[in-house]
Amino acid sequence: MANLAEKNTVEQQNAILHGLITKHQNDAIAIYAQGLLTPQQQAAMASQLLQALPAVQDMNDDLLHQLVYSDKGKIPAQLSPMISDNGEHIIIVLNTSKNTDIMT
Protein backbone atom coordinates (compact mmCIF):
# COMPACT_ATOMS: atom_id res chain seq x y z
CA MET A 1 0.00 0.00 0.00
CA ALA A 2 2.95 2.32 0.67
CA ASN A 3 3.94 2.22 -2.99
CA LEU A 4 0.62 2.83 -4.70
CA ALA A 5 2.35 3.56 -7.99
CA GLU A 6 3.74 0.02 -8.11
CA LYS A 7 1.85 -2.61 -10.02
CA ASN A 8 1.79 -5.77 -7.92
CA THR A 9 1.09 -9.22 -9.21
CA VAL A 10 -1.97 -11.10 -7.94
CA GLU A 11 0.33 -13.19 -5.75
CA GLN A 12 1.89 -10.05 -4.25
CA GLN A 13 -1.55 -8.54 -3.65
CA ASN A 14 -2.67 -11.73 -1.90
CA ALA A 15 0.47 -11.75 0.25
CA ILE A 16 -0.18 -8.13 1.27
CA LEU A 17 -3.81 -8.91 2.10
CA HIS A 18 -2.91 -12.01 4.11
CA GLY A 19 -0.37 -9.95 6.02
CA LEU A 20 -3.08 -7.50 7.05
CA ILE A 21 -5.68 -9.94 8.35
CA THR A 22 -5.50 -12.60 11.02
CA LYS A 23 -5.68 -16.34 10.32
CA HIS A 24 -9.11 -16.39 11.98
CA GLN A 25 -10.32 -13.64 9.61
CA ASN A 26 -8.82 -15.44 6.61
CA ASP A 27 -10.57 -18.68 7.62
CA ALA A 28 -13.88 -16.81 7.99
CA ILE A 29 -13.46 -15.30 4.52
CA ALA A 30 -12.75 -18.74 3.02
CA ILE A 31 -15.84 -20.24 4.69
CA TYR A 32 -18.00 -17.32 3.51
CA ALA A 33 -16.66 -17.56 -0.05
CA GLN A 34 -17.28 -21.32 -0.10
CA GLY A 35 -20.91 -20.64 0.87
CA LEU A 36 -21.36 -18.40 -2.17
CA LEU A 37 -20.56 -21.17 -4.62
CA THR A 38 -23.28 -23.11 -6.36
CA PRO A 39 -23.33 -26.90 -5.92
CA GLN A 40 -21.88 -27.24 -9.43
CA GLN A 41 -19.02 -24.87 -8.57
CA GLN A 42 -18.35 -26.72 -5.33
CA ALA A 43 -18.25 -30.02 -7.25
CA ALA A 44 -15.85 -28.51 -9.81
CA MET A 45 -13.57 -27.28 -7.01
CA ALA A 46 -13.65 -30.68 -5.32
CA SER A 47 -12.80 -32.36 -8.61
CA GLN A 48 -9.86 -30.02 -9.20
CA LEU A 49 -8.63 -30.61 -5.66
CA LEU A 50 -8.80 -34.37 -6.09
CA GLN A 51 -6.87 -34.14 -9.35
CA ALA A 52 -4.13 -32.17 -7.55
CA LEU A 53 -3.62 -34.95 -4.99
CA PRO A 54 -1.04 -37.65 -5.64
CA ALA A 55 -2.18 -41.17 -6.44
CA VAL A 56 -3.22 -43.09 -3.33
CA GLN A 57 -0.26 -45.46 -3.59
CA ASP A 58 2.04 -42.40 -3.46
CA MET A 59 0.46 -40.90 -0.33
CA ASN A 60 2.38 -41.18 2.91
CA ASP A 61 1.04 -41.24 6.46
CA ASP A 62 1.71 -37.53 7.00
CA LEU A 63 -0.35 -36.52 3.96
CA LEU A 64 -3.23 -38.83 4.92
CA HIS A 65 -3.18 -37.40 8.45
CA GLN A 66 -3.33 -33.85 7.05
CA LEU A 67 -6.27 -34.77 4.81
CA VAL A 68 -8.28 -36.52 7.51
CA TYR A 69 -7.48 -34.10 10.34
CA SER A 70 -7.49 -30.93 8.22
CA ASP A 71 -9.74 -28.90 10.55
CA LYS A 72 -7.04 -27.72 12.99
CA GLY A 73 -6.37 -31.25 14.18
CA LYS A 74 -10.04 -32.17 14.19
CA ILE A 75 -11.94 -34.25 11.70
CA PRO A 76 -13.86 -32.03 9.24
CA ALA A 77 -17.64 -32.34 9.55
CA GLN A 78 -17.86 -33.85 6.06
CA LEU A 79 -15.65 -36.79 7.09
CA SER A 80 -17.06 -37.47 10.56
CA PRO A 81 -19.74 -39.94 9.36
CA MET A 82 -16.98 -42.11 7.90
CA ILE A 83 -14.79 -42.28 11.03
CA SER A 84 -15.55 -44.39 14.07
CA ASP A 85 -16.02 -42.76 17.48
CA ASN A 86 -12.67 -44.04 18.73
CA GLY A 87 -10.92 -42.65 15.65
CA GLU A 88 -9.16 -45.93 14.90
CA HIS A 89 -11.02 -46.83 11.72
CA ILE A 90 -12.28 -45.05 8.62
CA ILE A 91 -14.75 -46.23 6.00
CA ILE A 92 -13.44 -45.92 2.46
CA VAL A 93 -15.51 -46.52 -0.64
CA LEU A 94 -13.51 -47.97 -3.51
CA ASN A 95 -15.15 -48.04 -6.91
CA THR A 96 -13.71 -50.61 -9.29
CA SER A 97 -14.41 -51.67 -12.83
CA LYS A 98 -16.25 -54.85 -13.80
CA ASN A 99 -12.91 -56.37 -14.80
CA THR A 100 -11.19 -55.89 -11.46
CA ASP A 101 -9.90 -59.10 -9.93
CA ILE A 102 -10.62 -58.94 -6.19
CA MET A 103 -7.74 -61.35 -5.48
CA THR A 104 -5.06 -58.99 -6.82
PDB file of N, CA and C in Angstrom:
ATOM      1  N   MET A   1       0.823  -1.199   0.000  1.00  0.00           N
ATOM      2  CA  MET A   1       0.000   0.000   0.000  1.00  0.00           C
ATOM      3  C   MET A   1       0.866   1.261   0.000  1.00  0.00           C
ATOM      4  N   ALA A   2       2.075   1.157   0.590  1.00  0.00           N
ATOM      5  CA  ALA A   2       2.950   2.325   0.672  1.00  0.00           C
ATOM      6  C   ALA A   2       3.372   2.790  -0.710  1.00  0.00           C
ATOM      7  N   ASN A   3       3.528   1.879  -1.626  1.00  0.00           N
ATOM      8  CA  ASN A   3       3.940   2.224  -2.989  1.00  0.00           C
ATOM      9  C   ASN A   3       2.763   2.044  -3.933  1.00  0.00           C
ATOM     10  N   LEU A   4       1.826   2.968  -3.893  1.00  0.00           N
ATOM     11  CA  LEU A   4       0.615   2.827  -4.703  1.00  0.00           C
ATOM     12  C   LEU A   4       0.912   2.866  -6.191  1.00  0.00           C
ATOM     13  N   ALA A   5       2.012   3.475  -6.571  1.00  0.00           N
ATOM     14  CA  ALA A   5       2.346   3.564  -7.988  1.00  0.00           C
ATOM     15  C   ALA A   5       2.826   2.225  -8.537  1.00  0.00           C
ATOM     16  N   GLU A   6       3.275   1.326  -7.655  1.00  0.00           N
ATOM     17  CA  GLU A   6       3.742   0.024  -8.113  1.00  0.00           C
ATOM     18  C   GLU A   6       2.584  -0.861  -8.553  1.00  0.00           C
ATOM     19  N   LYS A   7       2.822  -1.630  -9.568  1.00  0.00           N
ATOM     20  CA  LYS A   7       1.848  -2.615 -10.020  1.00  0.00           C
ATOM     21  C   LYS A   7       2.259  -3.962  -9.450  1.00  0.00           C
ATOM     22  N   ASN A   8       1.487  -4.483  -8.534  1.00  0.00           N
ATOM     23  CA  ASN A   8       1.791  -5.767  -7.915  1.00  0.00           C
ATOM     24  C   ASN A   8       1.089  -6.888  -8.651  1.00  0.00           C
ATOM     25  N   THR A   9       1.720  -8.049  -8.634  1.00  0.00           N
ATOM     26  CA  THR A   9       1.085  -9.224  -9.214  1.00  0.00           C
ATOM     27  C   THR A   9      -0.045  -9.665  -8.277  1.00  0.00           C
ATOM     28  N   VAL A  10      -0.879 -10.571  -8.760  1.00  0.00           N
ATOM     29  CA  VAL A  10      -1.965 -11.100  -7.940  1.00  0.00           C
ATOM     30  C   VAL A  10      -1.391 -11.778  -6.698  1.00  0.00           C
ATOM     31  N   GLU A  11      -0.297 -12.518  -6.879  1.00  0.00           N
ATOM     32  CA  GLU A  11       0.335 -13.192  -5.747  1.00  0.00           C
ATOM     33  C   GLU A  11       0.828 -12.192  -4.714  1.00  0.00           C
ATOM     34  N   GLN A  12       1.416 -11.078  -5.172  1.00  0.00           N
ATOM     35  CA  GLN A  12       1.895 -10.045  -4.252  1.00  0.00           C
ATOM     36  C   GLN A  12       0.720  -9.372  -3.537  1.00  0.00           C
ATOM     37  N   GLN A  13      -0.364  -9.141  -4.262  1.00  0.00           N
ATOM     38  CA  GLN A  13      -1.549  -8.540  -3.648  1.00  0.00           C
ATOM     39  C   GLN A  13      -2.122  -9.466  -2.580  1.00  0.00           C
ATOM     40  N   ASN A  14      -2.173 -10.761  -2.879  1.00  0.00           N
ATOM     41  CA  ASN A  14      -2.675 -11.728  -1.897  1.00  0.00           C
ATOM     42  C   ASN A  14      -1.778 -11.778  -0.669  1.00  0.00           C
ATOM     43  N   ALA A  15      -0.463 -11.737  -0.882  1.00  0.00           N
ATOM     44  CA  ALA A  15       0.471 -11.753   0.246  1.00  0.00           C
ATOM     45  C   ALA A  15       0.279 -10.523   1.122  1.00  0.00           C
ATOM     46  N   ILE A  16       0.065  -9.362   0.504  1.00  0.00           N
ATOM     47  CA  ILE A  16      -0.179  -8.128   1.266  1.00  0.00           C
ATOM     48  C   ILE A  16      -1.465  -8.263   2.066  1.00  0.00           C
ATOM     49  N   LEU A  17      -2.528  -8.746   1.429  1.00  0.00           N
ATOM     50  CA  LEU A  17      -3.812  -8.907   2.103  1.00  0.00           C
ATOM     51  C   LEU A  17      -3.690  -9.880   3.267  1.00  0.00           C
ATOM     52  N   HIS A  18      -3.042 -11.008   3.043  1.00  0.00           N
ATOM     53  CA  HIS A  18      -2.912 -12.014   4.109  1.00  0.00           C
ATOM     54  C   HIS A  18      -2.048 -11.500   5.257  1.00  0.00           C
ATOM     55  N   GLY A  19      -1.162 -10.549   4.965  1.00  0.00           N
ATOM     56  CA  GLY A  19      -0.366  -9.946   6.022  1.00  0.00           C
ATOM     57  C   GLY A  19      -1.157  -8.963   6.872  1.00  0.00           C
ATOM     58  N   LEU A  20      -2.268  -8.492   6.343  1.00  0.00           N
ATOM     59  CA  LEU A  20      -3.076  -7.497   7.048  1.00  0.00           C
ATOM     60  C   LEU A  20      -4.171  -8.109   7.914  1.00  0.00           C
ATOM     61  N   ILE A  21      -4.587  -9.326   7.592  1.00  0.00           N
ATOM     62  CA  ILE A  21      -5.682  -9.942   8.347  1.00  0.00           C
ATOM     63  C   ILE A  21      -5.169 -11.130   9.145  1.00  0.00           C
ATOM     64  N   THR A  22      -5.893 -11.475  10.180  1.00  0.00           N
ATOM     65  CA  THR A  22      -5.496 -12.600  11.017  1.00  0.00           C
ATOM     66  C   THR A  22      -5.879 -13.915  10.350  1.00  0.00           C
ATOM     67  N   LYS A  23      -5.324 -15.013  10.838  1.00  0.00           N
ATOM     68  CA  LYS A  23      -5.682 -16.341  10.323  1.00  0.00           C
ATOM     69  C   LYS A  23      -7.166 -16.604  10.532  1.00  0.00           C
ATOM     70  N   HIS A  24      -7.691 -16.207  11.690  1.00  0.00           N
ATOM     71  CA  HIS A  24      -9.112 -16.392  11.977  1.00  0.00           C
ATOM     72  C   HIS A  24      -9.964 -15.647  10.946  1.00  0.00           C
ATOM     73  N   GLN A  25      -9.584 -14.416  10.608  1.00  0.00           N
ATOM     74  CA  GLN A  25     -10.322 -13.643   9.609  1.00  0.00           C
ATOM     75  C   GLN A  25     -10.210 -14.296   8.234  1.00  0.00           C
ATOM     76  N   ASN A  26      -9.017 -14.777   7.904  1.00  0.00           N
ATOM     77  CA  ASN A  26      -8.818 -15.438   6.615  1.00  0.00           C
ATOM     78  C   ASN A  26      -9.673 -16.695   6.506  1.00  0.00           C
ATOM     79  N   ASP A  27      -9.733 -17.481   7.601  1.00  0.00           N
ATOM     80  CA  ASP A  27     -10.570 -18.685   7.619  1.00  0.00           C
ATOM     81  C   ASP A  27     -12.051 -18.325   7.444  1.00  0.00           C
ATOM     82  N   ALA A  28     -12.482 -17.244   8.107  1.00  0.00           N
ATOM     83  CA  ALA A  28     -13.884 -16.808   7.993  1.00  0.00           C
ATOM     84  C   ALA A  28     -14.204 -16.381   6.565  1.00  0.00           C
ATOM     85  N   ILE A  29     -13.266 -15.723   5.920  1.00  0.00           N
ATOM     86  CA  ILE A  29     -13.465 -15.298   4.525  1.00  0.00           C
ATOM     87  C   ILE A  29     -13.584 -16.530   3.623  1.00  0.00           C
ATOM     88  N   ALA A  30     -12.723 -17.520   3.843  1.00  0.00           N
ATOM     89  CA  ALA A  30     -12.752 -18.738   3.020  1.00  0.00           C
ATOM     90  C   ALA A  30     -14.080 -19.470   3.191  1.00  0.00           C
ATOM     91  N   ILE A  31     -14.561 -19.563   4.428  1.00  0.00           N
ATOM     92  CA  ILE A  31     -15.840 -20.235   4.692  1.00  0.00           C
ATOM     93  C   ILE A  31     -16.980 -19.475   4.022  1.00  0.00           C
ATOM     94  N   TYR A  32     -16.958 -18.152   4.134  1.00  0.00           N
ATOM     95  CA  TYR A  32     -17.997 -17.322   3.508  1.00  0.00           C
ATOM     96  C   TYR A  32     -17.971 -17.491   1.991  1.00  0.00           C
ATOM     97  N   ALA A  33     -16.776 -17.434   1.403  1.00  0.00           N
ATOM     98  CA  ALA A  33     -16.655 -17.562  -0.051  1.00  0.00           C
ATOM     99  C   ALA A  33     -17.143 -18.924  -0.522  1.00  0.00           C
ATOM    100  N   GLN A  34     -16.836 -19.970   0.234  1.00  0.00           N
ATOM    101  CA  GLN A  34     -17.281 -21.319  -0.102  1.00  0.00           C
ATOM    102  C   GLN A  34     -18.809 -21.385  -0.117  1.00  0.00           C
ATOM    103  N   GLY A  35     -19.454 -20.655   0.793  1.00  0.00           N
ATOM    104  CA  GLY A  35     -20.909 -20.637   0.871  1.00  0.00           C
ATOM    105  C   GLY A  35     -21.568 -19.938  -0.305  1.00  0.00           C
ATOM    106  N   LEU A  36     -20.820 -19.118  -1.013  1.00  0.00           N
ATOM    107  CA  LEU A  36     -21.357 -18.401  -2.170  1.00  0.00           C
ATOM    108  C   LEU A  36     -21.390 -19.248  -3.432  1.00  0.00           C
ATOM    109  N   LEU A  37     -20.645 -20.331  -3.429  1.00  0.00           N
ATOM    110  CA  LEU A  37     -20.555 -21.173  -4.620  1.00  0.00           C
ATOM    111  C   LEU A  37     -21.812 -22.013  -4.803  1.00  0.00           C
ATOM    112  N   THR A  38     -22.166 -22.226  -6.054  1.00  0.00           N
ATOM    113  CA  THR A  38     -23.281 -23.115  -6.363  1.00  0.00           C
ATOM    114  C   THR A  38     -22.818 -24.556  -6.152  1.00  0.00           C
ATOM    115  N   PRO A  39     -23.748 -25.499  -6.039  1.00  0.00           N
ATOM    116  CA  PRO A  39     -23.332 -26.904  -5.919  1.00  0.00           C
ATOM    117  C   PRO A  39     -22.437 -27.360  -7.074  1.00  0.00           C
ATOM    118  N   GLN A  40     -22.702 -26.872  -8.276  1.00  0.00           N
ATOM    119  CA  GLN A  40     -21.880 -27.238  -9.428  1.00  0.00           C
ATOM    120  C   GLN A  40     -20.463 -26.686  -9.276  1.00  0.00           C
ATOM    121  N   GLN A  41     -20.341 -25.445  -8.781  1.00  0.00           N
ATOM    122  CA  GLN A  41     -19.020 -24.865  -8.571  1.00  0.00           C
ATOM    123  C   GLN A  41     -18.270 -25.597  -7.459  1.00  0.00           C
ATOM    124  N   GLN A  42     -18.991 -25.972  -6.413  1.00  0.00           N
ATOM    125  CA  GLN A  42     -18.355 -26.721  -5.332  1.00  0.00           C
ATOM    126  C   GLN A  42     -17.857 -28.071  -5.842  1.00  0.00           C
ATOM    127  N   ALA A  43     -18.659 -28.730  -6.680  1.00  0.00           N
ATOM    128  CA  ALA A  43     -18.251 -30.022  -7.252  1.00  0.00           C
ATOM    129  C   ALA A  43     -17.029 -29.849  -8.151  1.00  0.00           C
ATOM    130  N   ALA A  44     -16.995 -28.771  -8.932  1.00  0.00           N
ATOM    131  CA  ALA A  44     -15.847 -28.510  -9.809  1.00  0.00           C
ATOM    132  C   ALA A  44     -14.590 -28.265  -8.979  1.00  0.00           C
ATOM    133  N   MET A  45     -14.715 -27.520  -7.885  1.00  0.00           N
ATOM    134  CA  MET A  45     -13.570 -27.277  -7.012  1.00  0.00           C
ATOM    135  C   MET A  45     -13.079 -28.575  -6.381  1.00  0.00           C
ATOM    136  N   ALA A  46     -14.019 -29.402  -5.923  1.00  0.00           N
ATOM    137  CA  ALA A  46     -13.654 -30.681  -5.316  1.00  0.00           C
ATOM    138  C   ALA A  46     -12.937 -31.561  -6.332  1.00  0.00           C
ATOM    139  N   SER A  47     -13.413 -31.566  -7.560  1.00  0.00           N
ATOM    140  CA  SER A  47     -12.804 -32.364  -8.613  1.00  0.00           C
ATOM    141  C   SER A  47     -11.378 -31.887  -8.890  1.00  0.00           C
ATOM    142  N   GLN A  48     -11.193 -30.574  -8.958  1.00  0.00           N
ATOM    143  CA  GLN A  48      -9.858 -30.022  -9.199  1.00  0.00           C
ATOM    144  C   GLN A  48      -8.919 -30.346  -8.044  1.00  0.00           C
ATOM    145  N   LEU A  49      -9.440 -30.284  -6.831  1.00  0.00           N
ATOM    146  CA  LEU A  49      -8.634 -30.606  -5.665  1.00  0.00           C
ATOM    147  C   LEU A  49      -8.197 -32.064  -5.693  1.00  0.00           C
ATOM    148  N   LEU A  50      -9.126 -32.952  -6.019  1.00  0.00           N
ATOM    149  CA  LEU A  50      -8.797 -34.375  -6.086  1.00  0.00           C
ATOM    150  C   LEU A  50      -7.759 -34.660  -7.161  1.00  0.00           C
ATOM    151  N   GLN A  51      -7.842 -33.942  -8.280  1.00  0.00           N
ATOM    152  CA  GLN A  51      -6.866 -34.138  -9.351  1.00  0.00           C
ATOM    153  C   GLN A  51      -5.480 -33.666  -8.934  1.00  0.00           C
ATOM    154  N   ALA A  52      -5.411 -32.699  -8.009  1.00  0.00           N
ATOM    155  CA  ALA A  52      -4.126 -32.171  -7.549  1.00  0.00           C
ATOM    156  C   ALA A  52      -3.435 -33.104  -6.559  1.00  0.00           C
ATOM    157  N   LEU A  53      -4.197 -34.022  -5.963  1.00  0.00           N
ATOM    158  CA  LEU A  53      -3.621 -34.950  -4.989  1.00  0.00           C
ATOM    159  C   LEU A  53      -2.813 -36.030  -5.697  1.00  0.00           C
ATOM    160  N   PRO A  54      -1.774 -36.524  -5.034  1.00  0.00           N
ATOM    161  CA  PRO A  54      -1.035 -37.647  -5.638  1.00  0.00           C
ATOM    162  C   PRO A  54      -1.884 -38.910  -5.627  1.00  0.00           C
ATOM    163  N   ALA A  55      -1.484 -39.885  -6.425  1.00  0.00           N
ATOM    164  CA  ALA A  55      -2.175 -41.171  -6.440  1.00  0.00           C
ATOM    165  C   ALA A  55      -2.111 -41.778  -5.040  1.00  0.00           C
ATOM    166  N   VAL A  56      -3.131 -42.524  -4.674  1.00  0.00           N
ATOM    167  CA  VAL A  56      -3.220 -43.090  -3.330  1.00  0.00           C
ATOM    168  C   VAL A  56      -1.966 -43.876  -2.973  1.00  0.00           C
ATOM    169  N   GLN A  57      -1.450 -44.662  -3.892  1.00  0.00           N
ATOM    170  CA  GLN A  57      -0.262 -45.457  -3.588  1.00  0.00           C
ATOM    171  C   GLN A  57       0.964 -44.591  -3.313  1.00  0.00           C
ATOM    172  N   ASP A  58       0.926 -43.306  -3.702  1.00  0.00           N
ATOM    173  CA  ASP A  58       2.045 -42.403  -3.463  1.00  0.00           C
ATOM    174  C   ASP A  58       1.854 -41.534  -2.218  1.00  0.00           C
ATOM    175  N   MET A  59       0.720 -41.692  -1.535  1.00  0.00           N
ATOM    176  CA  MET A  59       0.459 -40.903  -0.335  1.00  0.00           C
ATOM    177  C   MET A  59       1.182 -41.525   0.854  1.00  0.00           C
ATOM    178  N   ASN A  60       1.743 -40.676   1.695  1.00  0.00           N
ATOM    179  CA  ASN A  60       2.380 -41.180   2.908  1.00  0.00           C
ATOM    180  C   ASN A  60       1.483 -40.899   4.114  1.00  0.00           C
ATOM    181  N   ASP A  61       1.864 -41.400   5.254  1.00  0.00           N
ATOM    182  CA  ASP A  61       1.041 -41.242   6.462  1.00  0.00           C
ATOM    183  C   ASP A  61       0.813 -39.782   6.820  1.00  0.00           C
ATOM    184  N   ASP A  62       1.844 -38.945   6.656  1.00  0.00           N
ATOM    185  CA  ASP A  62       1.709 -37.527   7.000  1.00  0.00           C
ATOM    186  C   ASP A  62       0.638 -36.844   6.152  1.00  0.00           C
ATOM    187  N   LEU A  63       0.644 -37.127   4.844  1.00  0.00           N
ATOM    188  CA  LEU A  63      -0.354 -36.523   3.965  1.00  0.00           C
ATOM    189  C   LEU A  63      -1.754 -37.002   4.322  1.00  0.00           C
ATOM    190  N   LEU A  64      -1.912 -38.301   4.543  1.00  0.00           N
ATOM    191  CA  LEU A  64      -3.225 -38.826   4.918  1.00  0.00           C
ATOM    192  C   LEU A  64      -3.707 -38.205   6.222  1.00  0.00           C
ATOM    193  N   HIS A  65      -2.818 -38.029   7.180  1.00  0.00           N
ATOM    194  CA  HIS A  65      -3.181 -37.398   8.452  1.00  0.00           C
ATOM    195  C   HIS A  65      -3.642 -35.963   8.225  1.00  0.00           C
ATOM    196  N   GLN A  66      -2.937 -35.224   7.352  1.00  0.00           N
ATOM    197  CA  GLN A  66      -3.329 -33.848   7.047  1.00  0.00           C
ATOM    198  C   GLN A  66      -4.692 -33.788   6.373  1.00  0.00           C
ATOM    199  N   LEU A  67      -4.973 -34.758   5.507  1.00  0.00           N
ATOM    200  CA  LEU A  67      -6.267 -34.768   4.807  1.00  0.00           C
ATOM    201  C   LEU A  67      -7.413 -35.084   5.759  1.00  0.00           C
ATOM    202  N   VAL A  68      -7.212 -36.087   6.613  1.00  0.00           N
ATOM    203  CA  VAL A  68      -8.283 -36.522   7.510  1.00  0.00           C
ATOM    204  C   VAL A  68      -8.481 -35.544   8.655  1.00  0.00           C
ATOM    205  N   TYR A  69      -7.395 -35.024   9.208  1.00  0.00           N
ATOM    206  CA  TYR A  69      -7.485 -34.104  10.340  1.00  0.00           C
ATOM    207  C   TYR A  69      -7.182 -32.669   9.902  1.00  0.00           C
ATOM    208  N   SER A  70      -7.796 -32.226   8.807  1.00  0.00           N
ATOM    209  CA  SER A  70      -7.485 -30.928   8.224  1.00  0.00           C
ATOM    210  C   SER A  70      -8.117 -29.752   8.959  1.00  0.00           C
ATOM    211  N   ASP A  71      -9.057 -29.987   9.852  1.00  0.00           N
ATOM    212  CA  ASP A  71      -9.739 -28.896  10.552  1.00  0.00           C
ATOM    213  C   ASP A  71      -9.035 -28.622  11.885  1.00  0.00           C
ATOM    214  N   LYS A  72      -7.822 -28.069  11.799  1.00  0.00           N
ATOM    215  CA  LYS A  72      -7.037 -27.721  12.989  1.00  0.00           C
ATOM    216  C   LYS A  72      -6.891 -28.904  13.934  1.00  0.00           C
ATOM    217  N   GLY A  73      -6.562 -30.056  13.372  1.00  0.00           N
ATOM    218  CA  GLY A  73      -6.366 -31.252  14.182  1.00  0.00           C
ATOM    219  C   GLY A  73      -7.639 -32.011  14.471  1.00  0.00           C
ATOM    220  N   LYS A  74      -8.756 -31.496  14.010  1.00  0.00           N
ATOM    221  CA  LYS A  74     -10.040 -32.174  14.191  1.00  0.00           C
ATOM    222  C   LYS A  74     -10.506 -32.721  12.848  1.00  0.00           C
ATOM    223  N   ILE A  75     -11.376 -33.673  12.919  1.00  0.00           N
ATOM    224  CA  ILE A  75     -11.936 -34.254  11.702  1.00  0.00           C
ATOM    225  C   ILE A  75     -12.972 -33.283  11.131  1.00  0.00           C
ATOM    226  N   PRO A  76     -12.857 -32.908   9.848  1.00  0.00           N
ATOM    227  CA  PRO A  76     -13.863 -32.032   9.245  1.00  0.00           C
ATOM    228  C   PRO A  76     -15.251 -32.667   9.306  1.00  0.00           C
ATOM    229  N   ALA A  77     -16.271 -31.850   9.423  1.00  0.00           N
ATOM    230  CA  ALA A  77     -17.644 -32.336   9.555  1.00  0.00           C
ATOM    231  C   ALA A  77     -18.028 -33.269   8.414  1.00  0.00           C
ATOM    232  N   GLN A  78     -17.509 -33.017   7.208  1.00  0.00           N
ATOM    233  CA  GLN A  78     -17.857 -33.849   6.060  1.00  0.00           C
ATOM    234  C   GLN A  78     -17.330 -35.276   6.208  1.00  0.00           C
ATOM    235  N   LEU A  79     -16.234 -35.455   6.947  1.00  0.00           N
ATOM    236  CA  LEU A  79     -15.649 -36.791   7.094  1.00  0.00           C
ATOM    237  C   LEU A  79     -16.134 -37.527   8.332  1.00  0.00           C
ATOM    238  N   SER A  80     -16.704 -36.830   9.289  1.00  0.00           N
ATOM    239  CA  SER A  80     -17.057 -37.466  10.560  1.00  0.00           C
ATOM    240  C   SER A  80     -17.977 -38.678  10.427  1.00  0.00           C
ATOM    241  N   PRO A  81     -18.924 -38.719   9.478  1.00  0.00           N
ATOM    242  CA  PRO A  81     -19.744 -39.939   9.364  1.00  0.00           C
ATOM    243  C   PRO A  81     -18.946 -41.175   8.946  1.00  0.00           C
ATOM    244  N   MET A  82     -17.760 -40.979   8.373  1.00  0.00           N
ATOM    245  CA  MET A  82     -16.976 -42.109   7.895  1.00  0.00           C
ATOM    246  C   MET A  82     -15.976 -42.611   8.922  1.00  0.00           C
ATOM    247  N   ILE A  83     -15.812 -41.913  10.048  1.00  0.00           N
ATOM    248  CA  ILE A  83     -14.789 -42.278  11.025  1.00  0.00           C
ATOM    249  C   ILE A  83     -15.457 -42.740  12.308  1.00  0.00           C
ATOM    250  N   SER A  84     -14.954 -43.844  12.855  1.00  0.00           N
ATOM    251  CA  SER A  84     -15.545 -44.389  14.075  1.00  0.00           C
ATOM    252  C   SER A  84     -15.310 -43.451  15.256  1.00  0.00           C
ATOM    253  N   ASP A  85     -16.112 -43.622  16.304  1.00  0.00           N
ATOM    254  CA  ASP A  85     -16.015 -42.760  17.478  1.00  0.00           C
ATOM    255  C   ASP A  85     -14.638 -42.799  18.128  1.00  0.00           C
ATOM    256  N   ASN A  86     -13.988 -43.953  18.110  1.00  0.00           N
ATOM    257  CA  ASN A  86     -12.670 -44.037  18.732  1.00  0.00           C
ATOM    258  C   ASN A  86     -11.556 -43.548  17.809  1.00  0.00           C
ATOM    259  N   GLY A  87     -11.892 -43.199  16.591  1.00  0.00           N
ATOM    260  CA  GLY A  87     -10.920 -42.648  15.654  1.00  0.00           C
ATOM    261  C   GLY A  87      -9.912 -43.641  15.112  1.00  0.00           C
ATOM    262  N   GLU A  88     -10.125 -44.923  15.343  1.00  0.00           N
ATOM    263  CA  GLU A  88      -9.160 -45.930  14.905  1.00  0.00           C
ATOM    264  C   GLU A  88      -9.459 -46.495  13.524  1.00  0.00           C
ATOM    265  N   HIS A  89     -10.648 -46.258  13.007  1.00  0.00           N
ATOM    266  CA  HIS A  89     -11.021 -46.830  11.718  1.00  0.00           C
ATOM    267  C   HIS A  89     -11.687 -45.757  10.866  1.00  0.00           C
ATOM    268  N   ILE A  90     -11.608 -45.938   9.562  1.00  0.00           N
ATOM    269  CA  ILE A  90     -12.276 -45.046   8.623  1.00  0.00           C
ATOM    270  C   ILE A  90     -12.912 -45.915   7.537  1.00  0.00           C
ATOM    271  N   ILE A  91     -14.074 -45.517   7.083  1.00  0.00           N
ATOM    272  CA  ILE A  91     -14.755 -46.227   6.002  1.00  0.00           C
ATOM    273  C   ILE A  91     -14.320 -45.593   4.687  1.00  0.00           C
ATOM    274  N   ILE A  92     -13.857 -46.413   3.773  1.00  0.00           N
ATOM    275  CA  ILE A  92     -13.439 -45.921   2.464  1.00  0.00           C
ATOM    276  C   ILE A  92     -14.235 -46.665   1.402  1.00  0.00           C
ATOM    277  N   VAL A  93     -14.786 -45.925   0.472  1.00  0.00           N
ATOM    278  CA  VAL A  93     -15.513 -46.519  -0.644  1.00  0.00           C
ATOM    279  C   VAL A  93     -14.558 -46.588  -1.824  1.00  0.00           C
ATOM    280  N   LEU A  94     -14.401 -47.769  -2.377  1.00  0.00           N
ATOM    281  CA  LEU A  94     -13.513 -47.973  -3.507  1.00  0.00           C
ATOM    282  C   LEU A  94     -14.335 -48.466  -4.681  1.00  0.00           C
ATOM    283  N   ASN A  95     -14.425 -47.656  -5.710  1.00  0.00           N
ATOM    284  CA  ASN A  95     -15.146 -48.045  -6.913  1.00  0.00           C
ATOM    285  C   ASN A  95     -14.183 -48.713  -7.874  1.00  0.00           C
ATOM    286  N   THR A  96     -14.558 -49.867  -8.359  1.00  0.00           N
ATOM    287  CA  THR A  96     -13.714 -50.612  -9.288  1.00  0.00           C
ATOM    288  C   THR A  96     -14.475 -50.858 -10.585  1.00  0.00           C
ATOM    289  N   SER A  97     -13.752 -51.331 -11.562  1.00  0.00           N
ATOM    290  CA  SER A  97     -14.410 -51.672 -12.828  1.00  0.00           C
ATOM    291  C   SER A  97     -14.934 -53.096 -12.760  1.00  0.00           C
ATOM    292  N   LYS A  98     -15.705 -53.483 -13.745  1.00  0.00           N
ATOM    293  CA  LYS A  98     -16.249 -54.854 -13.799  1.00  0.00           C
ATOM    294  C   LYS A  98     -15.145 -55.884 -13.977  1.00  0.00           C
ATOM    295  N   ASN A  99     -14.010 -55.447 -14.512  1.00  0.00           N
ATOM    296  CA  ASN A  99     -12.907 -56.368 -14.805  1.00  0.00           C
ATOM    297  C   ASN A  99     -11.899 -56.489 -13.677  1.00  0.00           C
ATOM    298  N   THR A 100     -12.132 -55.846 -12.569  1.00  0.00           N
ATOM    299  CA  THR A 100     -11.192 -55.889 -11.459  1.00  0.00           C
ATOM    300  C   THR A 100     -11.211 -57.247 -10.784  1.00  0.00           C
ATOM    301  N   ASP A 101     -10.027 -57.815 -10.616  1.00  0.00           N
ATOM    302  CA  ASP A 101      -9.897 -59.097  -9.931  1.00  0.00           C
ATOM    303  C   ASP A 101      -9.720 -58.816  -8.455  1.00  0.00           C
ATOM    304  N   ILE A 102     -10.643 -59.228  -7.621  1.00  0.00           N
ATOM    305  CA  ILE A 102     -10.617 -58.944  -6.195  1.00  0.00           C
ATOM    306  C   ILE A 102      -9.442 -59.611  -5.486  1.00  0.00           C
ATOM    307  N   MET A 103      -8.844 -60.620  -6.103  1.00  0.00           N
ATOM    308  CA  MET A 103      -7.742 -61.354  -5.483  1.00  0.00           C
ATOM    309  C   MET A 103      -6.400 -60.669  -5.719  1.00  0.00           C
ATOM    310  N   THR A 104      -6.338 -59.640  -6.573  1.00  0.00           N
ATOM    311  CA  THR A 104      -5.055 -58.988  -6.824  1.00  0.00           C
ATOM    312  C   THR A 104      -4.811 -57.790  -5.987  1.00  0.00           C
TER     313      THR A 104
END
